[in-house]
Amino acid sequence: MTDTDLQTRSRERVDDWLADLRERYGDFELVEKTWELDPKAYERDRARIREGANGGAGIWATDDEGRVLLARNEGTDGWADPGGKREAGETFEQAARREVREETNVQCQITGVCDVHVLELVDETDPERPALWSLIVVFTGAAVDGDPRPREGEIAAVDWFDAMPETVLYPEVADRPVPASE
């Protein structure tokens, strides 16, 4: 398969996923971003897209007190919803629940869609390479079991927040509701 075919296939997949999510969950906020990747990262994502494993998911999870579960990755200062990459054959919901459980030790029930990020992936060193497309789904959810504990070697800290922390990993996090603070 050529890069141009992969570009077309990845965009069609994203469009199909968006249609499916809208059918099952209704309207949600759509965030479109361009990620300029170094050649190595572009190749990693290109391989994942070829394997059908592109995309990722997380959960904007709350507890009974309305606090939100946030994680801070090793090597970063910003807090965000826990989540990660989708594996081949895995739904976005399965990926979100698995990633949150692996990163935080908290099991969650999905209640809806918070926002969806459509990513245009480009090679920052070669503008002639076709852009590839991917999707990150951030679900809303409720914690059902587990005490927060960071995954060693990947997550620096995990905690429940009753107000948004000062430093977040990406801008959309700061705009999300924290029920405990309302």
Protein backbone atom coordinates (compact mmCIF):
# COMPACT_ATOMS: atom_id res chain seq x y z
CA MET A 1 0.00 0.00 0.00
CA THR A 2 1.37 3.40 -0.95
CA ASP A 3 1.53 6.32 1.47
CA THR A 4 -1.19 8.06 -0.56
CA ASP A 5 -3.45 5.00 -0.21
CA LEU A 6 -2.70 4.90 3.51
CA GLN A 7 -3.54 8.60 3.77
CA THR A 8 -6.92 8.02 2.10
CA ARG A 9 -7.62 4.90 4.15
CA SER A 10 -6.72 6.62 7.43
CA ARG A 11 -9.02 9.58 6.67
CA GLU A 12 -11.89 7.26 5.70
CA ARG A 13 -11.40 5.31 8.95
CA VAL A 14 -11.52 8.50 11.01
CA ASP A 15 -14.69 9.61 9.22
CA ASP A 16 -16.30 6.20 9.84
CA TRP A 17 -15.32 6.29 13.52
CA LEU A 18 -16.76 9.80 13.88
CA ALA A 19 -20.05 8.73 12.27
CA ASP A 20 -20.24 5.69 14.56
CA LEU A 21 -19.52 7.75 17.69
CA ARG A 22 -22.16 10.34 16.72
CA GLU A 23 -24.72 7.60 16.10
CA ARG A 24 -24.07 5.99 19.49
CA TYR A 25 -23.39 9.05 21.67
CA GLY A 26 -24.93 12.05 19.89
CA ASP A 27 -23.13 15.37 19.52
CA PHE A 28 -19.75 16.09 21.09
CA GLU A 29 -17.02 18.68 20.85
CA LEU A 30 -14.67 18.08 17.93
CA VAL A 31 -11.09 19.34 18.17
CA GLU A 32 -8.97 19.32 15.02
CA LYS A 33 -5.19 19.41 15.40
CA THR A 34 -2.09 19.01 13.29
CA TRP A 35 0.72 17.13 14.94
CA GLU A 36 4.13 17.73 13.37
CA LEU A 37 6.09 14.58 14.13
CA ASP A 38 9.79 13.86 13.85
CA PRO A 39 10.49 11.19 11.20
CA LYS A 40 10.79 8.39 13.77
CA ALA A 41 7.43 9.23 15.38
CA TYR A 42 5.81 9.58 11.94
CA GLU A 43 7.08 6.09 11.02
CA ARG A 44 5.78 4.63 14.30
CA ASP A 45 2.32 6.10 13.69
CA ARG A 46 2.44 5.06 10.03
CA ALA A 47 3.09 1.45 11.12
CA ARG A 48 0.27 1.61 13.70
CA ILE A 49 -2.15 2.93 11.06
CA ARG A 50 -1.14 0.13 8.65
CA GLU A 51 -1.84 -2.40 11.45
CA GLY A 52 -5.24 -0.86 12.20
CA ALA A 53 -4.10 0.20 15.67
CA ASN A 54 -4.14 3.95 15.25
CA GLY A 55 -5.91 6.24 17.62
CA GLY A 56 -6.26 6.41 21.32
CA ALA A 57 -8.73 7.00 24.11
CA GLY A 58 -9.07 8.14 27.67
CA ILE A 59 -11.74 8.89 30.26
CA TRP A 60 -12.67 12.15 31.99
CA ALA A 61 -13.68 10.21 35.09
CA THR A 62 -15.38 11.48 38.21
CA ASP A 63 -15.93 9.92 41.62
CA ASP A 64 -19.01 10.10 43.90
CA GLU A 65 -17.80 13.47 45.23
CA GLY A 66 -17.56 15.02 41.76
CA ARG A 67 -13.78 15.04 41.74
CA VAL A 68 -12.00 14.29 38.47
CA LEU A 69 -9.23 11.69 38.05
CA LEU A 70 -6.08 13.15 36.50
CA ALA A 71 -2.66 11.72 35.73
CA ARG A 72 0.73 13.29 35.13
CA ASN A 73 3.10 11.45 32.81
CA GLU A 74 6.76 10.90 33.69
CA GLY A 75 8.80 13.85 32.42
CA THR A 76 5.90 16.32 32.21
CA ASP A 77 4.45 18.92 34.56
CA GLY A 78 0.92 18.99 33.13
CA TRP A 79 -2.05 16.99 34.37
CA ALA A 80 -4.57 15.38 32.00
CA ASP A 81 -7.19 12.69 31.70
CA PRO A 82 -5.56 9.24 31.77
CA GLY A 83 -5.56 7.35 28.49
CA GLY A 84 -3.40 6.00 25.72
CA LYS A 85 -3.05 4.16 22.46
CA ARG A 86 -5.67 1.84 20.99
CA GLU A 87 -4.52 -1.65 20.04
CA ALA A 88 -5.51 -3.41 16.81
CA GLY A 89 -8.96 -4.97 17.14
CA GLU A 90 -9.78 -2.91 20.22
CA THR A 91 -12.69 -0.46 20.34
CA PHE A 92 -12.12 3.05 21.60
CA GLU A 93 -14.18 2.19 24.70
CA GLN A 94 -12.06 -0.91 25.40
CA ALA A 95 -8.86 1.10 24.92
CA ALA A 96 -10.07 3.86 27.25
CA ARG A 97 -11.05 1.48 30.07
CA ARG A 98 -7.84 -0.57 29.71
CA GLU A 99 -5.55 2.46 29.58
CA VAL A 100 -7.17 4.15 32.58
CA ARG A 101 -6.98 0.93 34.59
CA GLU A 102 -3.33 0.34 33.61
CA GLU A 103 -2.23 3.93 34.26
CA THR A 104 -4.22 4.67 37.43
CA ASN A 105 -5.47 1.39 38.95
CA VAL A 106 -9.01 2.78 38.70
CA GLN A 107 -11.79 0.98 36.82
CA CYS A 108 -14.34 3.20 35.11
CA GLN A 109 -17.74 2.95 33.51
CA ILE A 110 -18.14 5.04 30.34
CA THR A 111 -21.12 7.39 30.38
CA GLY A 112 -20.66 9.42 27.18
CA VAL A 113 -18.19 11.32 25.01
CA CYS A 114 -16.45 14.41 26.35
CA ASP A 115 -14.56 15.41 23.20
CA VAL A 116 -12.93 13.90 20.14
CA HIS A 117 -9.62 15.00 18.65
CA VAL A 118 -9.07 14.52 14.92
CA LEU A 119 -5.32 14.47 14.34
CA GLU A 120 -3.57 15.24 11.09
CA LEU A 121 -0.13 13.63 11.42
CA VAL A 122 2.63 15.17 9.29
CA ASP A 123 6.35 14.54 8.96
CA GLU A 124 7.95 17.80 10.15
CA THR A 125 11.04 17.26 7.97
CA ASP A 126 9.35 16.20 4.73
CA PRO A 127 6.28 18.19 3.62
CA GLU A 128 5.95 15.92 0.56
CA ARG A 129 4.95 12.92 2.68
CA PRO A 130 1.18 12.52 2.81
CA ALA A 131 -0.57 13.50 6.02
CA LEU A 132 -2.06 10.59 7.95
CA TRP A 133 -5.17 10.77 10.12
CA SER A 134 -5.91 9.51 13.59
CA LEU A 135 -8.48 9.94 16.33
CA ILE A 136 -8.37 10.37 20.11
CA VAL A 137 -11.64 9.92 21.98
CA VAL A 138 -12.01 11.28 25.51
CA PHE A 139 -15.04 9.67 27.11
CA THR A 140 -16.88 10.83 30.20
CA GLY A 141 -17.10 8.24 32.91
CA ALA A 142 -17.56 7.28 36.51
CA ALA A 143 -15.07 5.48 38.72
CA VAL A 144 -16.42 2.14 39.93
CA ASP A 145 -13.45 0.53 41.70
CA GLY A 146 -9.81 0.96 42.66
CA ASP A 147 -7.57 3.32 44.56
CA PRO A 148 -5.46 5.68 42.39
CA ARG A 149 -1.92 4.44 41.97
CA PRO A 150 0.45 5.54 39.16
CA ARG A 151 1.81 2.97 36.73
CA GLU A 152 5.50 2.68 37.50
CA GLY A 153 7.83 3.86 34.74
CA GLU A 154 5.11 5.74 32.82
CA ILE A 155 2.94 7.80 35.16
CA ALA A 156 4.54 10.13 37.73
CA ALA A 157 1.38 10.84 39.73
CA VAL A 158 -2.36 10.17 39.84
CA ASP A 159 -4.91 11.96 41.99
CA TRP A 160 -8.49 13.11 42.38
CA PHE A 161 -9.03 16.87 41.89
CA ASP A 162 -11.93 18.97 43.15
CA ALA A 163 -10.67 21.95 41.10
CA MET A 164 -8.56 22.18 37.96
CA PRO A 165 -4.81 22.10 38.70
CA GLU A 166 -2.76 25.10 37.62
CA THR A 167 -0.71 23.17 35.05
CA VAL A 168 -2.46 21.00 32.45
CA LEU A 169 -0.96 18.96 29.64
CA TYR A 170 -3.04 20.46 26.82
CA PRO A 171 -5.49 23.39 26.63
CA GLU A 172 -8.75 21.44 26.35
CA VAL A 173 -8.19 19.94 29.81
CA ALA A 174 -8.53 23.36 31.44
CA ASP A 175 -11.97 23.89 29.84
CA ARG A 176 -13.54 20.65 31.05
CA PRO A 177 -15.99 20.68 33.94
CA VAL A 178 -15.01 19.55 37.42
CA PRO A 179 -18.37 18.85 39.11
CA ALA A 180 -16.92 19.18 42.63
CA SER A 181 -16.00 22.80 41.94
CA GLU A 182 -19.41 23.83 40.60
